[in-house]
Amino acid sequence: MREKVQKLNAEFKHLDAKSVLEHFLKEYRGKTALSSSFGVEDQVLTDMILKIDANTQIFTLDTGRLPQQTYDVMHRTNLKYETKIRLYFPDSRDVERLYHKQGANGFYDSVENRKECCFVRKIAPLKRALSGVEVWITGLRAEQSPTREEMQMLEWDEGNGVIKLNPLISWSESDVWSYIKENGVPYNALHNEGYPSIGCEPCTRAVQAGADIRSGRWWWENPEHKECGLHIKDTN
């Protein structure tokens, strides 16, 4: 499968995001899914995808600790596109065990604690969301963080057994915002308040203009640790 993915990268590297999406939504009809956190990249892809095939699955992981502004843009997105983006929640028993072990905010205490929280609230629900999916579409961009610079448009995700498709991998932040404005795409109001990257409320904060895009996520950790586990590149 890795060899197939590399061949696909060579085949599609000169195509734009829309053309790549058109191919995979047709070739893997009913077997593709976009995971959305309702950040601007995911909103661009939501707009593109639903214009190509309104029946494509789009889901989000509701960790239980999202900002109100994320629910607001979720609602506006559903209304604009006359859809219902699917929600996946963490198992309540896992959250209860996590609380009894760490307390309410134990993820601040260590990288291990934070990754355990991310596993319960994001990675385990993602496994359920990707059941039956062959192509997982994401809004990853190479310039978002040091952990993503070497990612390609197509990758084989061994852990989830899916092809990961990153149509915006080479897009700049300017490209993303141009699309948002030109197409009237709803976006999270926190982007106007200095939040380039938005996750759970206690793990996200605003950053100063010109700062690293992901510096407001898990800001108490070193940059090389700043992934929740959803998008760790497999180097084997």
Protein backbone atom coordinates (compact mmCIF):
# COMPACT_ATOMS: atom_id res chain seq x y z
CA MET A 1 0.00 0.00 0.00
CA ARG A 2 2.87 2.39 0.71
CA GLU A 3 4.13 1.92 -2.85
CA LYS A 4 0.64 2.62 -4.20
CA VAL A 5 0.45 5.82 -2.17
CA GLN A 6 3.82 6.99 -3.46
CA LYS A 7 2.69 6.37 -7.04
CA LEU A 8 -0.48 8.35 -6.34
CA ASN A 9 1.61 11.23 -4.98
CA ALA A 10 3.60 11.32 -8.20
CA GLU A 11 0.41 11.13 -10.26
CA PHE A 12 -1.45 13.92 -8.47
CA LYS A 13 1.31 16.27 -7.30
CA HIS A 14 0.61 18.81 -10.06
CA LEU A 15 -3.19 18.82 -9.67
CA ASP A 16 -5.08 21.39 -7.63
CA ALA A 17 -7.03 20.48 -4.50
CA LYS A 18 -10.43 20.47 -6.21
CA SER A 19 -9.27 18.10 -8.96
CA VAL A 20 -7.73 15.71 -6.45
CA LEU A 21 -10.91 15.71 -4.38
CA GLU A 22 -13.04 15.07 -7.46
CA HIS A 23 -10.95 12.02 -8.28
CA PHE A 24 -11.01 10.44 -4.83
CA LEU A 25 -14.65 11.24 -4.08
CA LYS A 26 -15.55 9.43 -7.30
CA GLU A 27 -13.03 6.58 -7.06
CA TYR A 28 -13.82 5.87 -3.40
CA ARG A 29 -17.46 6.91 -3.33
CA GLY A 30 -19.00 6.07 0.03
CA LYS A 31 -15.58 5.21 1.47
CA THR A 32 -14.22 8.71 2.05
CA ALA A 33 -14.61 10.98 5.06
CA LEU A 34 -13.43 14.45 6.05
CA SER A 35 -12.56 14.98 9.70
CA SER A 36 -13.33 18.59 10.60
CA SER A 37 -12.36 20.64 13.62
CA PHE A 38 -14.09 23.63 11.98
CA GLY A 39 -10.81 25.47 11.50
CA VAL A 40 -10.49 27.45 8.27
CA GLU A 41 -8.74 24.65 6.38
CA ASP A 42 -11.49 22.19 7.21
CA GLN A 43 -14.09 24.77 6.27
CA VAL A 44 -12.45 25.20 2.85
CA LEU A 45 -12.58 21.44 2.33
CA THR A 46 -16.17 21.23 3.56
CA ASP A 47 -17.18 23.81 0.96
CA MET A 48 -15.24 22.07 -1.83
CA ILE A 49 -16.44 18.58 -0.94
CA LEU A 50 -20.13 19.36 -0.56
CA LYS A 51 -20.09 21.17 -3.90
CA ILE A 52 -18.68 18.01 -5.51
CA ASP A 53 -20.73 15.38 -3.65
CA ALA A 54 -23.21 16.46 -0.97
CA ASN A 55 -23.42 12.89 0.34
CA THR A 56 -19.78 12.69 1.39
CA GLN A 57 -19.32 11.93 5.07
CA ILE A 58 -18.00 14.81 7.19
CA PHE A 59 -17.50 14.27 10.90
CA THR A 60 -16.12 16.07 13.91
CA LEU A 61 -14.80 14.89 17.26
CA ASP A 62 -16.66 16.61 20.08
CA THR A 63 -14.21 16.26 22.95
CA GLY A 64 -16.57 17.85 25.46
CA ARG A 65 -14.18 20.76 25.96
CA LEU A 66 -14.59 22.77 22.77
CA PRO A 67 -15.04 26.58 22.77
CA GLN A 68 -18.56 27.92 22.28
CA GLN A 69 -17.37 29.60 19.07
CA THR A 70 -16.70 26.16 17.57
CA TYR A 71 -20.29 25.09 18.22
CA ASP A 72 -21.46 28.38 16.71
CA VAL A 73 -19.62 27.79 13.42
CA MET A 74 -20.75 24.16 13.45
CA HIS A 75 -24.35 25.38 13.58
CA ARG A 76 -23.81 27.97 10.83
CA THR A 77 -22.10 25.38 8.63
CA ASN A 78 -24.97 22.93 8.99
CA LEU A 79 -27.44 25.67 8.08
CA LYS A 80 -25.50 27.00 5.08
CA TYR A 81 -24.93 23.62 3.47
CA GLU A 82 -28.23 22.07 4.65
CA THR A 83 -26.35 19.18 6.22
CA LYS A 84 -25.72 17.61 9.60
CA ILE A 85 -22.04 17.04 10.21
CA ARG A 86 -21.70 13.84 12.19
CA LEU A 87 -20.55 14.04 15.81
CA TYR A 88 -18.41 11.48 17.61
CA PHE A 89 -18.06 11.76 21.38
CA PRO A 90 -15.58 10.11 23.77
CA ASP A 91 -16.83 7.15 25.79
CA SER A 92 -18.25 8.58 29.04
CA ARG A 93 -16.70 5.77 31.09
CA ASP A 94 -13.25 6.59 29.69
CA VAL A 95 -13.73 10.27 30.55
CA GLU A 96 -14.81 9.36 34.08
CA ARG A 97 -11.71 7.19 34.56
CA LEU A 98 -9.52 9.96 33.16
CA TYR A 99 -11.01 12.46 35.61
CA HIS A 100 -10.50 10.16 38.59
CA LYS A 101 -6.89 9.62 37.53
CA GLN A 102 -5.88 13.16 36.50
CA GLY A 103 -8.50 15.52 37.86
CA ALA A 104 -10.15 18.19 35.70
CA ASN A 105 -6.96 19.70 34.24
CA GLY A 106 -4.30 17.05 34.74
CA PHE A 107 -3.20 17.39 31.11
CA TYR A 108 -1.17 20.46 32.14
CA ASP A 109 1.02 18.35 34.43
CA SER A 110 2.91 16.30 31.86
CA VAL A 111 3.11 15.41 28.18
CA GLU A 112 2.05 11.88 29.11
CA ASN A 113 -1.09 13.13 30.84
CA ARG A 114 -1.96 15.40 27.94
CA LYS A 115 -1.52 12.62 25.41
CA GLU A 116 -3.71 10.33 27.52
CA CYS A 117 -6.41 13.01 27.53
CA CYS A 118 -6.10 13.39 23.76
CA PHE A 119 -6.36 9.64 23.34
CA VAL A 120 -9.58 9.40 25.33
CA ARG A 121 -11.22 12.47 23.84
CA LYS A 122 -9.95 12.33 20.25
CA ILE A 123 -8.05 9.25 19.13
CA ALA A 124 -10.44 6.59 20.45
CA PRO A 125 -13.49 8.34 18.93
CA LEU A 126 -11.55 8.76 15.67
CA LYS A 127 -11.14 4.99 15.45
CA ARG A 128 -14.92 4.64 15.50
CA ALA A 129 -15.38 7.47 13.01
CA LEU A 130 -13.00 5.86 10.50
CA SER A 131 -14.65 2.45 10.63
CA GLY A 132 -15.38 1.44 7.02
CA VAL A 133 -13.47 4.44 5.62
CA GLU A 134 -10.71 3.92 3.05
CA VAL A 135 -9.70 7.56 2.41
CA TRP A 136 -9.45 9.97 5.32
CA ILE A 137 -9.44 13.61 4.16
CA THR A 138 -7.74 16.18 6.40
CA GLY A 139 -6.99 19.90 6.33
CA LEU A 140 -3.29 19.53 7.14
CA ARG A 141 -0.89 22.08 5.66
CA ALA A 142 2.90 21.69 5.63
CA GLU A 143 3.58 25.17 7.00
CA GLN A 144 1.38 24.68 10.08
CA SER A 145 4.10 23.22 12.30
CA PRO A 146 7.54 21.52 12.32
CA THR A 147 5.78 18.16 12.79
CA ARG A 148 4.01 18.54 9.43
CA GLU A 149 6.72 19.91 7.13
CA GLU A 150 7.55 16.54 5.58
CA MET A 151 3.98 15.35 5.09
CA GLN A 152 2.78 14.74 1.55
CA MET A 153 -0.57 15.08 -0.17
CA LEU A 154 -1.16 11.34 0.19
CA GLU A 155 0.09 9.13 2.99
CA TRP A 156 -0.59 5.65 4.26
CA ASP A 157 -1.88 5.77 7.84
CA GLU A 158 -0.83 2.42 9.23
CA GLY A 159 -2.49 2.92 12.59
CA ASN A 160 -5.93 3.46 11.08
CA GLY A 161 -5.44 1.39 7.94
CA VAL A 162 -6.51 4.22 5.62
CA ILE A 163 -5.10 6.44 2.90
CA LYS A 164 -4.78 9.93 4.34
CA LEU A 165 -5.50 12.64 1.78
CA ASN A 166 -4.21 16.15 2.52
CA PRO A 167 -5.46 18.26 -0.44
CA LEU A 168 -4.28 21.57 1.08
CA ILE A 169 -0.81 20.35 2.07
CA SER A 170 0.96 22.96 -0.11
CA TRP A 171 -1.48 25.81 0.51
CA SER A 172 -0.37 28.93 2.32
CA GLU A 173 -2.42 30.66 5.00
CA SER A 174 -3.13 33.39 2.45
CA ASP A 175 -4.49 30.78 0.01
CA VAL A 176 -6.88 29.50 2.68
CA TRP A 177 -8.23 32.92 3.62
CA SER A 178 -8.63 33.96 0.00
CA TYR A 179 -10.84 30.92 -0.59
CA ILE A 180 -12.86 31.59 2.57
CA LYS A 181 -13.58 35.19 1.55
CA GLU A 182 -14.19 34.53 -2.13
CA ASN A 183 -16.68 31.75 -1.40
CA GLY A 184 -18.41 33.16 1.66
CA VAL A 185 -17.46 30.18 3.81
CA PRO A 186 -18.42 30.36 7.53
CA TYR A 187 -15.45 30.39 9.89
CA ASN A 188 -14.76 30.32 13.61
CA ALA A 189 -14.98 33.79 15.20
CA LEU A 190 -11.87 32.99 17.27
CA HIS A 191 -9.78 33.38 14.12
CA ASN A 192 -10.56 37.10 14.33
CA GLU A 193 -9.18 37.18 17.88
CA GLY A 194 -5.70 35.84 17.13
CA TYR A 195 -6.40 32.11 17.13
CA PRO A 196 -4.89 30.61 13.94
CA SER A 197 -5.31 27.05 15.25
CA ILE A 198 -8.27 26.05 17.44
CA GLY A 199 -8.72 22.90 19.49
CA CYS A 200 -10.06 22.28 22.97
CA GLU A 201 -10.67 25.47 24.94
CA PRO A 202 -8.19 24.83 27.80
CA CYS A 203 -5.43 23.81 25.38
CA THR A 204 -5.76 26.71 22.93
CA ARG A 205 -4.91 30.39 23.24
CA ALA A 206 -4.40 33.40 21.01
CA VAL A 207 -0.96 34.17 19.58
CA GLN A 208 0.68 37.38 18.47
CA ALA A 209 0.70 38.31 14.79
CA GLY A 210 3.55 36.59 12.96
CA ALA A 211 3.99 33.88 15.59
CA ASP A 212 4.13 30.19 14.69
CA ILE A 213 0.66 29.07 13.62
CA ARG A 214 0.51 26.22 16.12
CA SER A 215 2.18 28.03 19.01
CA GLY A 216 -1.16 28.62 20.70
CA ARG A 217 -1.84 24.87 20.94
CA TRP A 218 -0.46 23.16 24.06
CA TRP A 219 1.71 26.25 24.52
CA TRP A 220 3.36 24.83 27.65
CA GLU A 221 5.05 22.06 25.62
CA ASN A 222 8.03 21.99 23.25
CA PRO A 223 7.11 22.34 19.54
CA GLU A 224 8.15 18.79 18.66
CA HIS A 225 5.52 17.42 21.05
CA LYS A 226 2.63 19.45 19.67
CA GLU A 227 0.47 16.75 18.14
CA CYS A 228 -2.46 15.00 19.77
CA GLY A 229 -1.71 11.73 17.98
CA LEU A 230 -4.19 12.08 15.13
CA HIS A 231 -1.56 13.19 12.63
CA ILE A 232 1.75 11.66 13.71
CA LYS A 233 3.71 10.76 10.59
CA ASP A 234 4.59 7.08 10.35
CA THR A 235 8.28 6.86 9.46
CA ASN A 236 8.56 3.06 9.34
